[in-house]
Amino acid sequence: MKLYIAEKPSLGRAIAAALPKPHKKQNGYIELGNGDVVSWCIGHILEQAEPESYDVEFKKWRAEHLPIIPDQWQLKPKAQTKAQLAVLRKLVKSASQIVHAGDPDREGQLLVDEVIDYLKVSTSKKNQIKRLLISDLNLPAVKRSLNAMQSNQQFMPLSISALARSRADW
């Protein structure tokens, strides 16, 4: 089963519209006529852990604690998106191929890459991930993008750039 992971539900619906019918709407994903699946992240499904997650001393802010730079950065599921993360966890496990369909910018790249890493996708499966770049949700544009997928590995510099910005903001 090929799993398309979109950044948000509207993009997931646009992708599904360009793929084999009939579609079955499920809880958190759309099953396609050929058995493939389109799901989504609902934007940021994970967030940086708060400083007190690293050390209880950091719960109360003190100048002498700064700068706080974790040895091992942690991500935590957002409370309002835990159910969708559980859906993605189940789908990722049964997928033979993953298609990254985050928005075509560095934030969109990081958003789906973080989910893939958080769900501990195997290195071999990660190396086979395709990148679907969609900037226009109309059907002909989505179909063109589906025919022009590239290796997700080519977009890792975008992900690293967004991760650096995210950690600097933290």
C-alpha atoms as a PDB file:
ATOM      1  CA  MET A   1       0.000   0.000   0.000  1.00  0.00           C
ATOM      2  CA  LYS A   2       1.267   3.454  -0.928  1.00  0.00           C
ATOM      3  CA  LEU A   3       0.657   6.071   1.769  1.00  0.00           C
ATOM      4  CA  TYR A   4       0.460   9.757   0.844  1.00  0.00           C
ATOM      5  CA  ILE A   5       0.995  12.017   3.870  1.00  0.00           C
ATOM      6  CA  ALA A   6      -0.302  15.536   3.227  1.00  0.00           C
ATOM      7  CA  GLU A   7       0.303  18.506   5.476  1.00  0.00           C
ATOM      8  CA  LYS A   8      -3.392  19.206   5.960  1.00  0.00           C
ATOM      9  CA  PRO A   9      -6.773  17.643   5.114  1.00  0.00           C
ATOM     10  CA  SER A  10      -7.552  20.018   2.205  1.00  0.00           C
ATOM     11  CA  LEU A  11      -4.346  18.973   0.442  1.00  0.00           C
ATOM     12  CA  GLY A  12      -5.136  15.318   1.199  1.00  0.00           C
ATOM     13  CA  ARG A  13      -8.548  15.671  -0.454  1.00  0.00           C
ATOM     14  CA  ALA A  14      -6.986  17.339  -3.527  1.00  0.00           C
ATOM     15  CA  ILE A  15      -4.473  14.485  -3.869  1.00  0.00           C
ATOM     16  CA  ALA A  16      -7.176  11.840  -3.462  1.00  0.00           C
ATOM     17  CA  ALA A  17      -9.294  13.532  -6.147  1.00  0.00           C
ATOM     18  CA  ALA A  18      -6.511  12.877  -8.661  1.00  0.00           C
ATOM     19  CA  LEU A  19      -6.086   9.209  -7.719  1.00  0.00           C
ATOM     20  CA  PRO A  20      -8.109   6.010  -8.420  1.00  0.00           C
ATOM     21  CA  LYS A  21     -11.732   5.882  -7.373  1.00  0.00           C
ATOM     22  CA  PRO A  22     -13.953   4.818  -5.681  1.00  0.00           C
ATOM     23  CA  HIS A  23     -12.848   6.463  -2.451  1.00  0.00           C
ATOM     24  CA  LYS A  24     -13.795   5.376   1.064  1.00  0.00           C
ATOM     25  CA  LYS A  25     -13.623   8.095   3.687  1.00  0.00           C
ATOM     26  CA  GLN A  26     -12.205   6.670   6.886  1.00  0.00           C
ATOM     27  CA  ASN A  27     -11.360   8.249  10.231  1.00  0.00           C
ATOM     28  CA  GLY A  28      -8.290  10.373   9.410  1.00  0.00           C
ATOM     29  CA  TYR A  29      -7.636   9.095   5.903  1.00  0.00           C
ATOM     30  CA  ILE A  30      -9.101   8.314   2.496  1.00  0.00           C
ATOM     31  CA  GLU A  31      -8.815   4.812   1.076  1.00  0.00           C
ATOM     32  CA  LEU A  32      -8.401   4.844  -2.702  1.00  0.00           C
ATOM     33  CA  GLY A  33      -9.874   2.462  -5.254  1.00  0.00           C
ATOM     34  CA  ASN A  34      -6.522   0.712  -5.742  1.00  0.00           C
ATOM     35  CA  GLY A  35      -5.913   0.162  -2.002  1.00  0.00           C
ATOM     36  CA  ASP A  36      -3.540   3.109  -1.559  1.00  0.00           C
ATOM     37  CA  VAL A  37      -4.260   5.647   1.185  1.00  0.00           C
ATOM     38  CA  VAL A  38      -4.123   9.436   1.574  1.00  0.00           C
ATOM     39  CA  SER A  39      -3.792  10.848   5.087  1.00  0.00           C
ATOM     40  CA  TRP A  40      -2.651  14.141   6.623  1.00  0.00           C
ATOM     41  CA  CYS A  41      -0.972  15.841   9.541  1.00  0.00           C
ATOM     42  CA  ILE A  42      -3.439  18.661  10.417  1.00  0.00           C
ATOM     43  CA  GLY A  43      -0.534  21.123  10.338  1.00  0.00           C
ATOM     44  CA  HIS A  44       1.918  20.795  13.210  1.00  0.00           C
ATOM     45  CA  ILE A  45       1.038  17.469  14.789  1.00  0.00           C
ATOM     46  CA  LEU A  46       4.199  17.506  16.938  1.00  0.00           C
ATOM     47  CA  GLU A  47       5.792  20.301  18.945  1.00  0.00           C
ATOM     48  CA  GLN A  48       9.064  20.937  20.728  1.00  0.00           C
ATOM     49  CA  ALA A  49       9.059  19.728  24.328  1.00  0.00           C
ATOM     50  CA  GLU A  50       8.980  22.462  26.952  1.00  0.00           C
ATOM     51  CA  PRO A  51      12.185  23.180  28.909  1.00  0.00           C
ATOM     52  CA  GLU A  52      10.863  21.447  32.046  1.00  0.00           C
ATOM     53  CA  SER A  53      10.653  18.194  30.042  1.00  0.00           C
ATOM     54  CA  TYR A  54      14.446  18.239  29.984  1.00  0.00           C
ATOM     55  CA  ASP A  55      14.990  19.267  33.614  1.00  0.00           C
ATOM     56  CA  VAL A  56      12.440  20.217  36.300  1.00  0.00           C
ATOM     57  CA  GLU A  57      14.778  23.080  37.280  1.00  0.00           C
ATOM     58  CA  PHE A  58      13.798  24.787  34.011  1.00  0.00           C
ATOM     59  CA  LYS A  59      10.118  25.050  34.987  1.00  0.00           C
ATOM     60  CA  LYS A  60      10.888  28.383  36.640  1.00  0.00           C
ATOM     61  CA  TRP A  61      12.832  30.674  34.345  1.00  0.00           C
ATOM     62  CA  ARG A  62      16.160  31.944  35.650  1.00  0.00           C
ATOM     63  CA  ALA A  63      18.817  33.892  33.777  1.00  0.00           C
ATOM     64  CA  GLU A  64      21.565  31.514  34.981  1.00  0.00           C
ATOM     65  CA  HIS A  65      19.849  28.624  33.123  1.00  0.00           C
ATOM     66  CA  LEU A  66      20.189  30.384  29.789  1.00  0.00           C
ATOM     67  CA  PRO A  67      20.901  29.394  27.164  1.00  0.00           C
ATOM     68  CA  ILE A  68      19.108  26.056  27.472  1.00  0.00           C
ATOM     69  CA  ILE A  69      20.443  23.748  24.790  1.00  0.00           C
ATOM     70  CA  PRO A  70      19.223  20.151  25.091  1.00  0.00           C
ATOM     71  CA  ASP A  71      21.659  17.301  24.408  1.00  0.00           C
ATOM     72  CA  GLN A  72      18.840  15.312  22.797  1.00  0.00           C
ATOM     73  CA  TRP A  73      15.925  17.335  21.403  1.00  0.00           C
ATOM     74  CA  GLN A  74      12.435  15.995  22.134  1.00  0.00           C
ATOM     75  CA  LEU A  75       9.182  16.274  20.222  1.00  0.00           C
ATOM     76  CA  LYS A  76       5.801  15.683  21.809  1.00  0.00           C
ATOM     77  CA  PRO A  77       2.412  15.088  20.189  1.00  0.00           C
ATOM     78  CA  LYS A  78       0.057  18.037  20.463  1.00  0.00           C
ATOM     79  CA  ALA A  79      -2.942  17.161  22.629  1.00  0.00           C
ATOM     80  CA  GLN A  80      -5.480  18.106  19.938  1.00  0.00           C
ATOM     81  CA  THR A  81      -3.807  15.995  17.230  1.00  0.00           C
ATOM     82  CA  LYS A  82      -2.925  12.795  19.135  1.00  0.00           C
ATOM     83  CA  ALA A  83      -5.732  10.853  17.456  1.00  0.00           C
ATOM     84  CA  GLN A  84      -4.467  11.740  13.978  1.00  0.00           C
ATOM     85  CA  LEU A  85      -0.918  10.789  14.966  1.00  0.00           C
ATOM     86  CA  ALA A  86      -2.258   7.376  16.038  1.00  0.00           C
ATOM     87  CA  VAL A  87      -3.916   7.004  12.604  1.00  0.00           C
ATOM     88  CA  LEU A  88      -0.627   7.859  10.889  1.00  0.00           C
ATOM     89  CA  ARG A  89       1.293   5.419  13.124  1.00  0.00           C
ATOM     90  CA  LYS A  90      -0.981   2.560  12.032  1.00  0.00           C
ATOM     91  CA  LEU A  91      -0.852   3.523   8.344  1.00  0.00           C
ATOM     92  CA  VAL A  92       2.940   3.987   8.270  1.00  0.00           C
ATOM     93  CA  LYS A  93       3.440   0.485   9.682  1.00  0.00           C
ATOM     94  CA  SER A  94       1.428  -1.141   6.895  1.00  0.00           C
ATOM     95  CA  ALA A  95       2.683   1.082   4.050  1.00  0.00           C
ATOM     96  CA  SER A  96       5.137  -0.368   1.546  1.00  0.00           C
ATOM     97  CA  GLN A  97       5.813   3.107   0.079  1.00  0.00           C
ATOM     98  CA  ILE A  98       5.452   6.577   1.610  1.00  0.00           C
ATOM     99  CA  VAL A  99       4.873   9.775  -0.342  1.00  0.00           C
ATOM    100  CA  HIS A 100       5.717  13.003   1.491  1.00  0.00           C
ATOM    101  CA  ALA A 101       3.161  15.637   0.475  1.00  0.00           C
ATOM    102  CA  GLY A 102       3.958  18.503   2.820  1.00  0.00           C
ATOM    103  CA  ASP A 103       3.670  22.049   1.511  1.00  0.00           C
ATOM    104  CA  PRO A 104       6.497  22.950  -0.911  1.00  0.00           C
ATOM    105  CA  ASP A 105       8.438  25.090   1.567  1.00  0.00           C
ATOM    106  CA  ARG A 106      10.899  24.362   4.365  1.00  0.00           C
ATOM    107  CA  GLU A 107       8.207  24.257   7.054  1.00  0.00           C
ATOM    108  CA  GLY A 108       6.106  21.806   5.030  1.00  0.00           C
ATOM    109  CA  GLN A 109       9.179  19.672   4.460  1.00  0.00           C
ATOM    110  CA  LEU A 110      10.030  19.537   8.164  1.00  0.00           C
ATOM    111  CA  LEU A 111       6.467  18.946   9.301  1.00  0.00           C
ATOM    112  CA  VAL A 112       6.102  15.586   7.537  1.00  0.00           C
ATOM    113  CA  ASP A 113       9.771  14.606   8.006  1.00  0.00           C
ATOM    114  CA  GLU A 114       9.358  15.037  11.782  1.00  0.00           C
ATOM    115  CA  VAL A 115       6.351  12.719  11.791  1.00  0.00           C
ATOM    116  CA  ILE A 116       8.267  10.124   9.773  1.00  0.00           C
ATOM    117  CA  ASP A 117      11.186  10.305  12.221  1.00  0.00           C
ATOM    118  CA  TYR A 118       8.939  10.343  15.299  1.00  0.00           C
ATOM    119  CA  LEU A 119       7.163   7.198  14.089  1.00  0.00           C
ATOM    120  CA  LYS A 120      10.562   5.508  13.680  1.00  0.00           C
ATOM    121  CA  VAL A 121      10.201   4.637  10.000  1.00  0.00           C
ATOM    122  CA  SER A 122      13.002   2.244   9.043  1.00  0.00           C
ATOM    123  CA  THR A 123      16.012   3.611   7.177  1.00  0.00           C
ATOM    124  CA  SER A 124      15.293   1.424   4.164  1.00  0.00           C
ATOM    125  CA  LYS A 125      11.713   2.711   3.942  1.00  0.00           C
ATOM    126  CA  LYS A 126      12.910   6.294   4.528  1.00  0.00           C
ATOM    127  CA  ASN A 127      15.363   6.057   1.643  1.00  0.00           C
ATOM    128  CA  GLN A 128      12.478   5.154  -0.694  1.00  0.00           C
ATOM    129  CA  ILE A 129      10.168   8.041   0.283  1.00  0.00           C
ATOM    130  CA  LYS A 130       9.005  10.123  -2.664  1.00  0.00           C
ATOM    131  CA  ARG A 131       8.375  13.873  -2.486  1.00  0.00           C
ATOM    132  CA  LEU A 132       5.172  15.252  -3.971  1.00  0.00           C
ATOM    133  CA  LEU A 133       5.312  19.023  -4.472  1.00  0.00           C
ATOM    134  CA  ILE A 134       1.892  20.629  -4.902  1.00  0.00           C
ATOM    135  CA  SER A 135       1.464  24.400  -4.922  1.00  0.00           C
ATOM    136  CA  ASP A 136      -1.868  24.520  -6.775  1.00  0.00           C
ATOM    137  CA  LEU A 137      -4.829  22.404  -5.634  1.00  0.00           C
ATOM    138  CA  ASN A 138      -6.660  22.300  -8.974  1.00  0.00           C
ATOM    139  CA  LEU A 139      -6.963  18.817 -10.468  1.00  0.00           C
ATOM    140  CA  PRO A 140      -4.726  19.213 -13.562  1.00  0.00           C
ATOM    141  CA  ALA A 141      -1.918  20.720 -11.440  1.00  0.00           C
ATOM    142  CA  VAL A 142      -2.160  17.919  -8.862  1.00  0.00           C
ATOM    143  CA  LYS A 143      -2.029  15.295 -11.639  1.00  0.00           C
ATOM    144  CA  ARG A 144       1.081  16.945 -13.116  1.00  0.00           C
ATOM    145  CA  SER A 145       2.732  16.923  -9.688  1.00  0.00           C
ATOM    146  CA  LEU A 146       1.883  13.241  -9.190  1.00  0.00           C
ATOM    147  CA  ASN A 147       3.759  12.487 -12.418  1.00  0.00           C
ATOM    148  CA  ALA A 148       6.822  14.483 -11.332  1.00  0.00           C
ATOM    149  CA  MET A 149       7.635  13.045  -7.892  1.00  0.00           C
ATOM    150  CA  GLN A 150      11.259  13.031  -6.762  1.00  0.00           C
ATOM    151  CA  SER A 151      13.237  11.398  -3.984  1.00  0.00           C
ATOM    152  CA  ASN A 152      12.527  12.971  -0.604  1.00  0.00           C
ATOM    153  CA  GLN A 153      16.274  12.760   0.116  1.00  0.00           C
ATOM    154  CA  GLN A 154      16.809  15.671  -2.294  1.00  0.00           C
ATOM    155  CA  PHE A 155      14.823  17.920   0.038  1.00  0.00           C
ATOM    156  CA  MET A 156      16.650  17.196   3.300  1.00  0.00           C
ATOM    157  CA  PRO A 157      18.486  20.574   3.224  1.00  0.00           C
ATOM    158  CA  LEU A 158      15.068  22.293   3.405  1.00  0.00           C
ATOM    159  CA  SER A 159      14.135  20.155   6.394  1.00  0.00           C
ATOM    160  CA  ILE A 160      17.425  20.877   8.162  1.00  0.00           C
ATOM    161  CA  SER A 161      17.000  24.609   7.533  1.00  0.00           C
ATOM    162  CA  ALA A 162      13.507  24.570   9.067  1.00  0.00           C
ATOM    163  CA  LEU A 163      14.740  22.466  11.998  1.00  0.00           C
ATOM    164  CA  ALA A 164      17.542  24.957  12.686  1.00  0.00           C
ATOM    165  CA  ARG A 165      15.065  27.839  12.674  1.00  0.00           C
ATOM    166  CA  SER A 166      12.673  25.918  14.930  1.00  0.00           C
ATOM    167  CA  ARG A 167      15.374  25.117  17.463  1.00  0.00           C
ATOM    168  CA  ALA A 168      16.693  28.688  17.409  1.00  0.00           C
ATOM    169  CA  ASP A 169      13.139  29.966  18.061  1.00  0.00           C
ATOM    170  CA  TRP A 170      12.769  27.500  20.946  1.00  0.00           C
END
